[in-house]
Structures are given as structure tokens and as C-alpha cells.
Amino acid sequence: MVIVYSATWCAFCHAAKEYFDKLGVKYEDRDVESDPKFAQESMSKSGQTGIPVIDIEGQIIVGFNRPKIDEVLKTKQLV
């Protein structure tokens, strides 16, 4: 499962979600502004407050790092 911790105002969050859409990778979007529980989850997984935080089957990526996302998606056989 892929989880994207994001906020509506975050351009990199939108870019990450659009990238997953383009690849056909399903993800769950968790808005850290609308639910404090998601903000806490994101911080506990990443150790920081920046977004997006992307959780690809337990592999945490902070920011929209496309090469790292591609690498993890391939490793996890999601693309």
C-alpha cells in the first residue's frame, strides 16, 4: 500500500500524487491539515515535519524524490 501524507497547499504533494496517477499506482491520500492524527503519523514515520511524506509499503520517502520513488516502486514490484 502507498500512503501520501500531504496538504492542499503543497505543490510537491500535488506533484507526487499526479505522478502516482500517471503511473497507475493506487495510493491513500492523508491530509495532515484536516486530521491531526495524520500529521502525527507522518512525523512519527519520517522524524520530521516536512511534506509530502510517502510511505510505500513501509519504505519512507520525504519529499517528491522521483528517482527514489521509482526505485522503491520497482523493488516492491508495484510498477
Protein backbone atom coordinates (compact mmCIF):
# COMPACT_ATOMS: atom_id res chain seq x y z
CA MET A 1 0.00 0.00 0.00
CA VAL A 2 1.13 3.54 -0.78
CA ILE A 3 0.23 6.40 1.56
CA VAL A 4 0.87 10.06 0.74
CA TYR A 5 0.80 12.46 3.68
CA SER A 6 0.01 15.83 2.15
CA ALA A 7 -1.76 19.19 2.40
CA THR A 8 -3.91 21.02 -0.13
CA TRP A 9 -1.46 23.96 -0.43
CA CYS A 10 1.63 21.76 -1.01
CA ALA A 11 2.79 21.85 -4.65
CA PHE A 12 5.19 18.91 -4.19
CA CYS A 13 2.37 16.88 -2.67
CA HIS A 14 0.24 17.52 -5.76
CA ALA A 15 3.18 16.60 -8.00
CA ALA A 16 3.70 13.31 -6.14
CA LYS A 17 0.02 12.36 -6.38
CA GLU A 18 -0.11 13.29 -10.07
CA TYR A 19 2.97 11.14 -10.65
CA PHE A 20 1.34 8.13 -8.94
CA ASP A 21 -1.82 8.75 -11.02
CA LYS A 22 0.27 8.84 -14.20
CA LEU A 23 1.93 5.54 -13.26
CA GLY A 24 -1.40 3.97 -12.30
CA VAL A 25 -0.24 3.38 -8.73
CA LYS A 26 -3.09 3.48 -6.23
CA TYR A 27 -2.44 5.45 -3.05
CA GLU A 28 -4.23 6.70 0.02
CA ASP A 29 -4.07 10.47 0.48
CA ARG A 30 -3.88 11.55 4.12
CA ASP A 31 -4.31 15.30 4.59
CA VAL A 32 -2.19 16.36 7.57
CA GLU A 33 -4.11 19.63 7.95
CA SER A 34 -7.58 18.14 8.10
CA ASP A 35 -6.67 15.40 10.59
CA PRO A 36 -4.05 15.92 13.33
CA LYS A 37 -3.76 12.13 13.64
CA PHE A 38 -2.32 12.02 10.10
CA ALA A 39 0.15 14.80 10.95
CA GLN A 40 1.33 12.79 13.97
CA GLU A 41 1.62 9.60 11.87
CA SER A 42 3.65 11.44 9.26
CA MET A 43 6.03 12.86 11.87
CA SER A 44 6.49 9.54 13.65
CA LYS A 45 7.26 7.76 10.36
CA SER A 46 9.62 10.39 8.96
CA GLY A 47 11.08 12.01 12.06
CA GLN A 48 10.34 15.47 10.65
CA THR A 49 7.53 17.86 9.83
CA GLY A 50 8.08 18.30 6.07
CA ILE A 51 5.62 17.02 3.48
CA PRO A 52 5.00 15.14 1.38
CA VAL A 53 5.87 12.03 3.30
CA ILE A 54 5.39 8.98 1.13
CA ASP A 55 5.06 5.52 2.67
CA ILE A 56 5.50 2.78 0.08
CA GLU A 57 4.85 -0.48 1.92
CA GLY A 58 6.90 0.70 4.91
CA GLN A 59 9.65 2.45 2.94
CA ILE A 60 9.53 6.15 3.87
CA ILE A 61 10.43 8.88 1.39
CA VAL A 62 10.37 12.54 2.42
CA GLY A 63 9.67 14.97 -0.39
CA PHE A 64 8.93 14.34 -4.05
CA ASN A 65 12.10 12.40 -4.86
CA ARG A 66 11.16 10.81 -8.17
CA PRO A 67 14.30 8.63 -8.60
CA LYS A 68 13.83 7.22 -5.08
CA ILE A 69 10.10 6.69 -5.65
CA ASP A 70 10.84 4.84 -8.90
CA GLU A 71 13.45 2.69 -7.18
CA VAL A 72 11.15 1.71 -4.30
CA LEU A 73 8.16 1.08 -6.59
CA LYS A 74 10.30 -1.28 -8.68
CA THR A 75 11.75 -3.01 -5.60
CA LYS A 76 8.24 -3.53 -4.20
CA GLN A 77 7.04 -4.64 -7.67
CA LEU A 78 4.30 -2.01 -7.81
CA VAL A 79 5.15 -0.89 -11.36
